Amino acid sequence: MSQISGVIRVMERAARKAGGRLRRDFGEVEHLQVSRKGPADFVSKADQVSERTLYDELLYARPDWGFELEEGGTIEGDPTKPRWVIDPLDGTTNFLHGIPHFAISIAVQEPRLDGKGWGEVIAAVVYNPVTDETFWAEKSRGAWLQDARLRCSTRNRMSDAIIATGIPFQGHGNFAEWSAIFAEVGPNVAGIRRFGAASLDMAWVAAGRFDAFWESDLNPWDTAAGGLLIREAGGFVTDYRGRSNPICDTQVIAGNDAMHSRLHKIITTSLKEAAK
């Protein structure tokens, strides 16, 4: 096992503290105070408490680092230091419907050397409070589930593959685009899954549970940690044009070398056909 660094310990401790509160709230989900913030996009009291817990814990540990928060937005820190990219409750809709599949996602992103924006993600934690699984990775040190090394699956035939995705829903995503891709992917694979938490989808690609993943119209906090997990597990993460950005969020294709290449080709072809 790779020796766990101080920053990963800080991240895991914060995630576990927030996750314990999420577990308690999940057990009484029917009593949660829920407010609507958009069509089919709910924010719960649990989400807000989780984010505050993470913010307080991480600020205490690294007081000069900034934050990119799902609920709280951008909080500037020392521009020469990294920032935290946080989703305090990925899978909010699952949570509110009593579906035990959600996660806390935390990533560390470095500033660019030229001082213009943000560069690579160097550390990641995705924590599932229900299963008590901590997926973590550091740049050049591999990806791990607790103390077990993670590797993307070695499957290279689409006919054997289970592919994860996110389906557009009310007010989010391009259903016509997704339908065009699905029409090409579906007949060629063993199965397609939509579980409703992108950070866990990507962690499961890193763990070899899923063979590949595609989705669009996401946010940096949805994919920042998962992207590093996959790359450190030997996989590839790009946008639909094949560009490997520090954080791929508006468009994501992920998988091992063979699966990424095949899925990229299918998506490119399907979108060209749909545009005719």
C-alpha atoms as a PDB file:
ATOM      1  CA  MET A   1       0.000   0.000   0.000  1.00  0.00           C
ATOM      2  CA  SER A   2       1.150   3.540  -0.779  1.00  0.00           C
ATOM      3  CA  GLN A   3       1.818   5.589   2.342  1.00  0.00           C
ATOM      4  CA  ILE A   4      -1.099   7.939   2.895  1.00  0.00           C
ATOM      5  CA  SER A   5      -0.023  11.564   2.740  1.00  0.00           C
ATOM      6  CA  GLY A   6      -1.070  14.321   5.078  1.00  0.00           C
ATOM      7  CA  VAL A   7      -3.409  15.915   2.550  1.00  0.00           C
ATOM      8  CA  ILE A   8      -5.264  12.643   1.908  1.00  0.00           C
ATOM      9  CA  ARG A   9      -5.641  12.108   5.647  1.00  0.00           C
ATOM     10  CA  VAL A  10      -7.116  15.612   5.967  1.00  0.00           C
ATOM     11  CA  MET A  11      -9.528  14.937   3.087  1.00  0.00           C
ATOM     12  CA  GLU A  12     -10.613  11.542   4.388  1.00  0.00           C
ATOM     13  CA  ARG A  13     -11.133  12.841   7.910  1.00  0.00           C
ATOM     14  CA  ALA A  14     -13.319  15.669   6.612  1.00  0.00           C
ATOM     15  CA  ALA A  15     -15.277  13.320   4.340  1.00  0.00           C
ATOM     16  CA  ARG A  16     -15.902  10.841   7.151  1.00  0.00           C
ATOM     17  CA  LYS A  17     -17.079  13.570   9.513  1.00  0.00           C
ATOM     18  CA  ALA A  18     -19.499  14.947   6.934  1.00  0.00           C
ATOM     19  CA  GLY A  19     -20.448  11.420   5.852  1.00  0.00           C
ATOM     20  CA  GLY A  20     -21.445  10.405   9.367  1.00  0.00           C
ATOM     21  CA  ARG A  21     -23.944  13.251   9.453  1.00  0.00           C
ATOM     22  CA  LEU A  22     -25.253  12.320   6.016  1.00  0.00           C
ATOM     23  CA  ARG A  23     -25.816   8.733   7.183  1.00  0.00           C
ATOM     24  CA  ARG A  24     -27.836   9.942  10.158  1.00  0.00           C
ATOM     25  CA  ASP A  25     -29.930  12.251   7.979  1.00  0.00           C
ATOM     26  CA  PHE A  26     -30.383   9.528   5.371  1.00  0.00           C
ATOM     27  CA  GLY A  27     -31.878   7.326   8.072  1.00  0.00           C
ATOM     28  CA  GLU A  28     -34.547   9.950   8.627  1.00  0.00           C
ATOM     29  CA  VAL A  29     -34.835  11.222   5.083  1.00  0.00           C
ATOM     30  CA  GLU A  30     -38.564  11.751   5.354  1.00  0.00           C
ATOM     31  CA  HIS A  31     -37.990  14.415   8.027  1.00  0.00           C
ATOM     32  CA  LEU A  32     -35.485  16.505   6.067  1.00  0.00           C
ATOM     33  CA  GLN A  33     -36.293  20.115   5.274  1.00  0.00           C
ATOM     34  CA  VAL A  34     -36.102  20.370   1.505  1.00  0.00           C
ATOM     35  CA  SER A  35     -36.133  23.523  -0.585  1.00  0.00           C
ATOM     36  CA  ARG A  36     -36.343  23.735  -4.352  1.00  0.00           C
ATOM     37  CA  LYS A  37     -33.551  25.501  -6.227  1.00  0.00           C
ATOM     38  CA  GLY A  38     -34.529  24.613  -9.790  1.00  0.00           C
ATOM     39  CA  PRO A  39     -36.474  22.147 -11.923  1.00  0.00           C
ATOM     40  CA  ALA A  40     -35.715  18.609 -10.741  1.00  0.00           C
ATOM     41  CA  ASP A  41     -32.737  19.985  -8.799  1.00  0.00           C
ATOM     42  CA  PHE A  42     -33.199  19.845  -5.050  1.00  0.00           C
ATOM     43  CA  VAL A  43     -30.986  21.006  -2.254  1.00  0.00           C
ATOM     44  CA  SER A  44     -31.496  19.573   1.202  1.00  0.00           C
ATOM     45  CA  LYS A  45     -30.561  20.671   4.662  1.00  0.00           C
ATOM     46  CA  ALA A  46     -28.237  17.663   4.736  1.00  0.00           C
ATOM     47  CA  ASP A  47     -26.404  18.938   1.637  1.00  0.00           C
ATOM     48  CA  GLN A  48     -25.843  22.331   3.259  1.00  0.00           C
ATOM     49  CA  VAL A  49     -24.662  20.841   6.563  1.00  0.00           C
ATOM     50  CA  SER A  50     -22.286  18.505   4.732  1.00  0.00           C
ATOM     51  CA  GLU A  51     -20.740  21.377   2.793  1.00  0.00           C
ATOM     52  CA  ARG A  52     -20.314  23.474   5.931  1.00  0.00           C
ATOM     53  CA  THR A  53     -18.653  20.570   7.732  1.00  0.00           C
ATOM     54  CA  LEU A  54     -16.238  20.002   4.864  1.00  0.00           C
ATOM     55  CA  TYR A  55     -15.494  23.702   4.583  1.00  0.00           C
ATOM     56  CA  ASP A  56     -14.771  24.089   8.300  1.00  0.00           C
ATOM     57  CA  GLU A  57     -12.556  20.983   8.470  1.00  0.00           C
ATOM     58  CA  LEU A  58     -10.545  21.783   5.357  1.00  0.00           C
ATOM     59  CA  LEU A  59     -10.205  25.494   6.157  1.00  0.00           C
ATOM     60  CA  TYR A  60      -8.816  24.610   9.574  1.00  0.00           C
ATOM     61  CA  ALA A  61      -6.257  22.253   8.013  1.00  0.00           C
ATOM     62  CA  ARG A  62      -5.247  24.554   5.122  1.00  0.00           C
ATOM     63  CA  PRO A  63      -6.344  28.117   6.011  1.00  0.00           C
ATOM     64  CA  ASP A  64      -4.760  29.742   2.938  1.00  0.00           C
ATOM     65  CA  TRP A  65      -6.336  27.461   0.305  1.00  0.00           C
ATOM     66  CA  GLY A  66      -9.368  28.503  -1.725  1.00  0.00           C
ATOM     67  CA  PHE A  67     -12.588  26.597  -2.421  1.00  0.00           C
ATOM     68  CA  GLU A  68     -14.820  25.754  -5.368  1.00  0.00           C
ATOM     69  CA  LEU A  69     -18.083  24.641  -3.758  1.00  0.00           C
ATOM     70  CA  GLU A  70     -21.306  23.361  -5.293  1.00  0.00           C
ATOM     71  CA  GLU A  71     -23.486  25.416  -2.986  1.00  0.00           C
ATOM     72  CA  GLY A  72     -21.141  28.135  -1.740  1.00  0.00           C
ATOM     73  CA  GLY A  73     -19.483  28.990  -5.060  1.00  0.00           C
ATOM     74  CA  THR A  74     -15.922  30.232  -5.367  1.00  0.00           C
ATOM     75  CA  ILE A  75     -14.060  31.327  -2.250  1.00  0.00           C
ATOM     76  CA  GLU A  76     -10.682  32.798  -3.051  1.00  0.00           C
ATOM     77  CA  GLY A  77      -7.551  31.827  -1.153  1.00  0.00           C
ATOM     78  CA  ASP A  78      -3.855  32.493  -1.678  1.00  0.00           C
ATOM     79  CA  PRO A  79      -3.547  32.453  -5.512  1.00  0.00           C
ATOM     80  CA  THR A  80      -0.217  30.619  -5.277  1.00  0.00           C
ATOM     81  CA  LYS A  81      -1.751  27.751  -3.291  1.00  0.00           C
ATOM     82  CA  PRO A  82      -4.100  24.918  -4.359  1.00  0.00           C
ATOM     83  CA  ARG A  83      -7.852  24.980  -3.941  1.00  0.00           C
ATOM     84  CA  TRP A  84     -10.442  22.446  -2.835  1.00  0.00           C
ATOM     85  CA  VAL A  85     -13.096  21.390  -5.378  1.00  0.00           C
ATOM     86  CA  ILE A  86     -16.014  19.929  -3.433  1.00  0.00           C
ATOM     87  CA  ASP A  87     -19.346  18.233  -3.982  1.00  0.00           C
ATOM     88  CA  PRO A  88     -20.779  17.721  -0.485  1.00  0.00           C
ATOM     89  CA  LEU A  89     -23.526  15.366  -1.657  1.00  0.00           C
ATOM     90  CA  ASP A  90     -23.288  13.923  -5.148  1.00  0.00           C
ATOM     91  CA  GLY A  91     -26.507  12.051  -5.799  1.00  0.00           C
ATOM     92  CA  THR A  92     -28.833  14.422  -3.952  1.00  0.00           C
ATOM     93  CA  THR A  93     -31.919  13.110  -5.741  1.00  0.00           C
ATOM     94  CA  ASN A  94     -31.009   9.537  -4.776  1.00  0.00           C
ATOM     95  CA  PHE A  95     -30.532  10.685  -1.188  1.00  0.00           C
ATOM     96  CA  LEU A  96     -33.884  12.436  -1.027  1.00  0.00           C
ATOM     97  CA  HIS A  97     -35.693   9.409  -2.452  1.00  0.00           C
ATOM     98  CA  GLY A  98     -34.094   6.990  -0.003  1.00  0.00           C
ATOM     99  CA  ILE A  99     -31.810   5.387  -2.603  1.00  0.00           C
ATOM    100  CA  PRO A 100     -28.523   4.435  -0.884  1.00  0.00           C
ATOM    101  CA  HIS A 101     -26.162   5.570  -3.629  1.00  0.00           C
ATOM    102  CA  PHE A 102     -24.493   8.941  -3.050  1.00  0.00           C
ATOM    103  CA  ALA A 103     -21.064  10.280  -2.218  1.00  0.00           C
ATOM    104  CA  ILE A 104     -18.862  13.107  -1.013  1.00  0.00           C
ATOM    105  CA  SER A 105     -16.285  14.220  -3.581  1.00  0.00           C
ATOM    106  CA  ILE A 106     -13.190  16.273  -2.721  1.00  0.00           C
ATOM    107  CA  ALA A 107     -10.333  17.193  -5.067  1.00  0.00           C
ATOM    108  CA  VAL A 108      -7.223  19.329  -4.773  1.00  0.00           C
ATOM    109  CA  GLN A 109      -6.419  21.450  -7.826  1.00  0.00           C
ATOM    110  CA  GLU A 110      -3.162  23.330  -8.307  1.00  0.00           C
ATOM    111  CA  PRO A 111      -2.892  26.851  -9.747  1.00  0.00           C
ATOM    112  CA  ARG A 112      -1.285  27.121 -13.167  1.00  0.00           C
ATOM    113  CA  LEU A 113       2.373  28.087 -13.142  1.00  0.00           C
ATOM    114  CA  ASP A 114       1.630  31.161 -15.260  1.00  0.00           C
ATOM    115  CA  GLY A 115      -0.898  32.312 -12.684  1.00  0.00           C
ATOM    116  CA  LYS A 116      -3.746  32.202 -15.203  1.00  0.00           C
ATOM    117  CA  GLY A 117      -6.424  29.924 -13.831  1.00  0.00           C
ATOM    118  CA  TRP A 118      -6.222  26.403 -12.521  1.00  0.00           C
ATOM    119  CA  GLY A 119      -4.157  23.408 -13.563  1.00  0.00           C
ATOM    120  CA  GLU A 120      -3.888  19.760 -12.632  1.00  0.00           C
ATOM    121  CA  VAL A 121      -5.826  17.881  -9.988  1.00  0.00           C
ATOM    122  CA  ILE A 122      -3.252  16.328  -7.660  1.00  0.00           C
ATOM    123  CA  ALA A 123      -5.340  14.599  -4.966  1.00  0.00           C
ATOM    124  CA  ALA A 124      -8.822  13.117  -4.784  1.00  0.00           C
ATOM    125  CA  VAL A 125     -11.219  11.437  -2.374  1.00  0.00           C
ATOM    126  CA  VAL A 126     -14.642  10.017  -3.183  1.00  0.00           C
ATOM    127  CA  TYR A 127     -16.358   8.685  -0.061  1.00  0.00           C
ATOM    128  CA  ASN A 128     -19.568   6.630  -0.003  1.00  0.00           C
ATOM    129  CA  PRO A 129     -21.072   7.005   3.485  1.00  0.00           C
ATOM    130  CA  VAL A 130     -23.462   4.049   3.049  1.00  0.00           C
ATOM    131  CA  THR A 131     -20.824   1.453   2.111  1.00  0.00           C
ATOM    132  CA  ASP A 132     -18.026   3.224   4.038  1.00  0.00           C
ATOM    133  CA  GLU A 133     -15.796   3.016   0.950  1.00  0.00           C
ATOM    134  CA  THR A 134     -13.053   5.607   0.491  1.00  0.00           C
ATOM    135  CA  PHE A 135     -11.696   5.868  -3.038  1.00  0.00           C
ATOM    136  CA  TRP A 136      -8.578   8.025  -3.106  1.00  0.00           C
ATOM    137  CA  ALA A 137      -5.733   8.981  -5.406  1.00  0.00           C
ATOM    138  CA  GLU A 138      -2.700  11.221  -5.616  1.00  0.00           C
ATOM    139  CA  LYS A 139      -0.894  12.265  -8.761  1.00  0.00           C
ATOM    140  CA  SER A 140       1.816   9.723  -9.653  1.00  0.00           C
ATOM    141  CA  ARG A 141       1.014   7.595  -6.575  1.00  0.00           C
ATOM    142  CA  GLY A 142      -1.852   5.502  -7.885  1.00  0.00           C
ATOM    143  CA  ALA A 143      -5.525   5.084  -7.050  1.00  0.00           C
ATOM    144  CA  TRP A 144      -6.780   3.136  -4.078  1.00  0.00           C
ATOM    145  CA  LEU A 145      -9.902   1.786  -2.355  1.00  0.00           C
ATOM    146  CA  GLN A 146      -8.968   1.900   1.304  1.00  0.00           C
ATOM    147  CA  ASP A 147      -5.608   0.041   1.149  1.00  0.00           C
ATOM    148  CA  ALA A 148      -6.251  -1.897  -2.088  1.00  0.00           C
ATOM    149  CA  ARG A 149      -4.721  -0.666  -5.354  1.00  0.00           C
ATOM    150  CA  LEU A 150      -7.236   0.148  -8.082  1.00  0.00           C
ATOM    151  CA  ARG A 151      -6.924  -0.673 -11.772  1.00  0.00           C
ATOM    152  CA  CYS A 152      -9.348   0.020 -14.577  1.00  0.00           C
ATOM    153  CA  SER A 153     -10.813  -3.111 -16.131  1.00  0.00           C
ATOM    154  CA  THR A 154      -8.841  -4.893 -18.844  1.00  0.00           C
ATOM    155  CA  ARG A 155     -11.840  -5.672 -21.045  1.00  0.00           C
ATOM    156  CA  ASN A 156     -11.285  -4.632 -24.634  1.00  0.00           C
ATOM    157  CA  ARG A 157     -14.477  -5.771 -26.356  1.00  0.00           C
ATOM    158  CA  MET A 158     -17.548  -3.576 -26.283  1.00  0.00           C
ATOM    159  CA  SER A 159     -19.760  -6.662 -26.307  1.00  0.00           C
ATOM    160  CA  ASP A 160     -18.407  -7.554 -22.833  1.00  0.00           C
ATOM    161  CA  ALA A 161     -18.591  -4.051 -21.398  1.00  0.00           C
ATOM    162  CA  ILE A 162     -20.839  -2.420 -18.828  1.00  0.00           C
ATOM    163  CA  ILE A 163     -20.954   1.315 -19.551  1.00  0.00           C
ATOM    164  CA  ALA A 164     -22.147   3.976 -17.117  1.00  0.00           C
ATOM    165  CA  THR A 165     -23.792   7.227 -18.130  1.00  0.00           C
ATOM    166  CA  GLY A 166     -26.005  10.049 -16.933  1.00  0.00           C
ATOM    167  CA  ILE A 167     -29.333  10.661 -18.632  1.00  0.00           C
ATOM    168  CA  PRO A 168     -30.543  14.223 -19.308  1.00  0.00           C
ATOM    169  CA  PHE A 169     -33.492  15.259 -17.161  1.00  0.00           C
ATOM    170  CA  GLN A 170     -35.727  18.252 -16.743  1.00  0.00           C
ATOM    171  CA  GLY A 171     -33.718  21.403 -17.287  1.00  0.00           C
ATOM    172  CA  HIS A 172     -30.375  19.620 -17.625  1.00  0.00           C
ATOM    173  CA  GLY A 173     -28.546  18.174 -20.595  1.00  0.00           C
ATOM    174  CA  ASN A 174     -29.138  17.679 -24.284  1.00  0.00           C
ATOM    175  CA  PHE A 175     -31.553  14.801 -24.721  1.00  0.00           C
ATOM    176  CA  ALA A 176     -31.220  14.702 -28.510  1.00  0.00           C
ATOM    177  CA  GLU A 177     -27.431  14.408 -28.246  1.00  0.00           C
ATOM    178  CA  TRP A 178     -27.636  11.732 -25.555  1.00  0.00           C
ATOM    179  CA  SER A 179     -30.232   9.768 -27.534  1.00  0.00           C
ATOM    180  CA  ALA A 180     -27.993   9.767 -30.616  1.00  0.00           C
ATOM    181  CA  ILE A 181     -25.090   8.393 -28.574  1.00  0.00           C
ATOM    182  CA  PHE A 182     -27.255   5.842 -26.764  1.00  0.00           C
ATOM    183  CA  ALA A 183     -28.648   4.555 -30.066  1.00  0.00           C
ATOM    184  CA  GLU A 184     -25.103   3.714 -31.181  1.00  0.00           C
ATOM    185  CA  VAL A 185     -23.687   2.497 -27.862  1.00  0.00           C
ATOM    186  CA  GLY A 186     -26.637   0.408 -26.651  1.00  0.00           C
ATOM    187  CA  PRO A 187     -26.637  -2.315 -29.343  1.00  0.00           C
ATOM    188  CA  ASN A 188     -22.871  -2.848 -28.941  1.00  0.00           C
ATOM    189  CA  VAL A 189     -22.454  -3.378 -25.196  1.00  0.00           C
ATOM    190  CA  ALA A 190     -23.411  -5.856 -22.473  1.00  0.00           C
ATOM    191  CA  GLY A 191     -25.272  -3.189 -20.534  1.00  0.00           C
ATOM    192  CA  ILE A 192     -25.701   0.497 -19.759  1.00  0.00           C
ATOM    193  CA  ARG A 193     -26.216   1.755 -16.205  1.00  0.00           C
ATOM    194  CA  ARG A 194     -27.469   5.081 -14.887  1.00  0.00           C
ATOM    195  CA  PHE A 195     -26.996   5.267 -11.096  1.00  0.00           C
ATOM    196  CA  GLY A 196     -27.252   9.023 -10.554  1.00  0.00           C
ATOM    197  CA  ALA A 197     -23.914   9.986  -8.967  1.00  0.00           C
ATOM    198  CA  ALA A 198     -21.145  10.853 -11.424  1.00  0.00           C
ATOM    199  CA  SER A 199     -18.358  10.813  -8.830  1.00  0.00           C
ATOM    200  CA  LEU A 200     -19.198   7.211  -7.929  1.00  0.00           C
ATOM    201  CA  ASP A 201     -19.599   6.244 -11.585  1.00  0.00           C
ATOM    202  CA  MET A 202     -16.041   7.443 -12.191  1.00  0.00           C
ATOM    203  CA  ALA A 203     -14.715   5.821  -9.014  1.00  0.00           C
ATOM    204  CA  TRP A 204     -16.270   2.559 -10.176  1.00  0.00           C
ATOM    205  CA  VAL A 205     -14.533   2.904 -13.546  1.00  0.00           C
ATOM    206  CA  ALA A 206     -11.252   3.260 -11.644  1.00  0.00           C
ATOM    207  CA  ALA A 207     -12.155   0.139  -9.634  1.00  0.00           C
ATOM    208  CA  GLY A 208     -13.021  -1.883 -12.762  1.00  0.00           C
ATOM    209  CA  ARG A 209     -16.683  -2.228 -11.803  1.00  0.00           C
ATOM    210  CA  PHE A 210     -17.684  -0.234 -14.867  1.00  0.00           C
ATOM    211  CA  ASP A 211     -15.673  -0.498 -18.054  1.00  0.00           C
ATOM    212  CA  ALA A 212     -16.327   3.039 -19.287  1.00  0.00           C
ATOM    213  CA  PHE A 213     -18.396   6.155 -18.663  1.00  0.00           C
ATOM    214  CA  TRP A 214     -19.798   9.028 -20.686  1.00  0.00           C
ATOM    215  CA  GLU A 215     -21.852  12.064 -19.750  1.00  0.00           C
ATOM    216  CA  SER A 216     -22.165  15.753 -20.575  1.00  0.00           C
ATOM    217  CA  ASP A 217     -23.387  18.917 -18.850  1.00  0.00           C
ATOM    218  CA  LEU A 218     -21.652  18.200 -15.558  1.00  0.00           C
ATOM    219  CA  ASN A 219     -19.762  20.570 -13.235  1.00  0.00           C
ATOM    220  CA  PRO A 220     -16.146  20.607 -12.016  1.00  0.00           C
ATOM    221  CA  TRP A 221     -17.089  19.287  -8.569  1.00  0.00           C
ATOM    222  CA  ASP A 222     -18.841  16.299 -10.174  1.00  0.00           C
ATOM    223  CA  THR A 223     -15.754  15.020 -12.003  1.00  0.00           C
ATOM    224  CA  ALA A 224     -12.584  16.561 -10.511  1.00  0.00           C
ATOM    225  CA  ALA A 225     -11.903  13.718  -8.063  1.00  0.00           C
ATOM    226  CA  GLY A 226     -13.175  10.929 -10.308  1.00  0.00           C
ATOM    227  CA  GLY A 227     -10.992  12.041 -13.187  1.00  0.00           C
ATOM    228  CA  LEU A 228      -7.803  11.684 -11.143  1.00  0.00           C
ATOM    229  CA  LEU A 229      -8.945   8.309  -9.784  1.00  0.00           C
ATOM    230  CA  ILE A 230      -9.358   6.957 -13.324  1.00  0.00           C
ATOM    231  CA  ARG A 231      -6.086   8.366 -14.610  1.00  0.00           C
ATOM    232  CA  GLU A 232      -4.157   6.996 -11.641  1.00  0.00           C
ATOM    233  CA  ALA A 233      -5.881   3.618 -12.171  1.00  0.00           C
ATOM    234  CA  GLY A 234      -4.468   3.483 -15.696  1.00  0.00           C
ATOM    235  CA  GLY A 235      -7.426   4.903 -17.596  1.00  0.00           C
ATOM    236  CA  PHE A 236      -8.117   7.878 -19.822  1.00  0.00           C
ATOM    237  CA  VAL A 237     -10.465  10.830 -19.322  1.00  0.00           C
ATOM    238  CA  THR A 238     -11.215  13.270 -22.146  1.00  0.00           C
ATOM    239  CA  ASP A 239     -13.977  15.363 -23.627  1.00  0.00           C
ATOM    240  CA  TYR A 240     -15.897  14.246 -26.726  1.00  0.00           C
ATOM    241  CA  ARG A 241     -13.156  15.680 -28.969  1.00  0.00           C
ATOM    242  CA  GLY A 242     -10.473  13.641 -27.221  1.00  0.00           C
ATOM    243  CA  ARG A 243      -8.943  16.539 -25.287  1.00  0.00           C
ATOM    244  CA  SER A 244      -7.539  15.668 -21.875  1.00  0.00           C
ATOM    245  CA  ASN A 245      -8.301  18.723 -19.760  1.00  0.00           C
ATOM    246  CA  PRO A 246      -7.338  19.029 -16.059  1.00  0.00           C
ATOM    247  CA  ILE A 247     -11.050  18.636 -15.266  1.00  0.00           C
ATOM    248  CA  CYS A 248     -13.398  17.250 -17.928  1.00  0.00           C
ATOM    249  CA  ASP A 249     -16.907  18.250 -16.937  1.00  0.00           C
ATOM    250  CA  THR A 250     -19.005  19.629 -19.778  1.00  0.00           C
ATOM    251  CA  GLN A 251     -18.227  16.418 -21.706  1.00  0.00           C
ATOM    252  CA  VAL A 252     -16.654  13.256 -20.305  1.00  0.00           C
ATOM    253  CA  ILE A 253     -15.502   9.983 -21.830  1.00  0.00           C
ATOM    254  CA  ALA A 254     -13.587   7.673 -19.500  1.00  0.00           C
ATOM    255  CA  GLY A 255     -12.280   4.119 -19.508  1.00  0.00           C
ATOM    256  CA  ASN A 256      -9.229   1.987 -20.154  1.00  0.00           C
ATOM    257  CA  ASP A 257      -7.271   2.565 -23.352  1.00  0.00           C
ATOM    258  CA  ALA A 258      -9.311   0.191 -25.525  1.00  0.00           C
ATOM    259  CA  MET A 259     -12.716   1.115 -24.112  1.00  0.00           C
ATOM    260  CA  HIS A 260     -12.034   4.824 -24.199  1.00  0.00           C
ATOM    261  CA  SER A 261     -10.919   4.599 -27.827  1.00  0.00           C
ATOM    262  CA  ARG A 262     -13.961   2.562 -28.897  1.00  0.00           C
ATOM    263  CA  LEU A 263     -16.426   4.723 -26.989  1.00  0.00           C
ATOM    264  CA  HIS A 264     -14.830   7.895 -28.328  1.00  0.00           C
ATOM    265  CA  LYS A 265     -15.182   6.616 -31.886  1.00  0.00           C
ATOM    266  CA  ILE A 266     -18.835   5.675 -31.369  1.00  0.00           C
ATOM    267  CA  ILE A 267     -19.686   9.035 -29.798  1.00  0.00           C
ATOM    268  CA  THR A 268     -17.879  10.994 -32.520  1.00  0.00           C
ATOM    269  CA  THR A 269     -19.652   9.026 -35.262  1.00  0.00           C
ATOM    270  CA  SER A 270     -23.087   9.286 -33.650  1.00  0.00           C
ATOM    271  CA  LEU A 271     -22.811  13.049 -33.183  1.00  0.00           C
ATOM    272  CA  LYS A 272     -21.683  13.552 -36.777  1.00  0.00           C
ATOM    273  CA  GLU A 273     -24.648  11.525 -38.010  1.00  0.00           C
ATOM    274  CA  ALA A 274     -27.045  13.432 -35.754  1.00  0.00           C
ATOM    275  CA  ALA A 275     -25.743  16.755 -37.089  1.00  0.00           C
ATOM    276  CA  LYS A 276     -26.502  15.879 -40.728  1.00  0.00           C
END
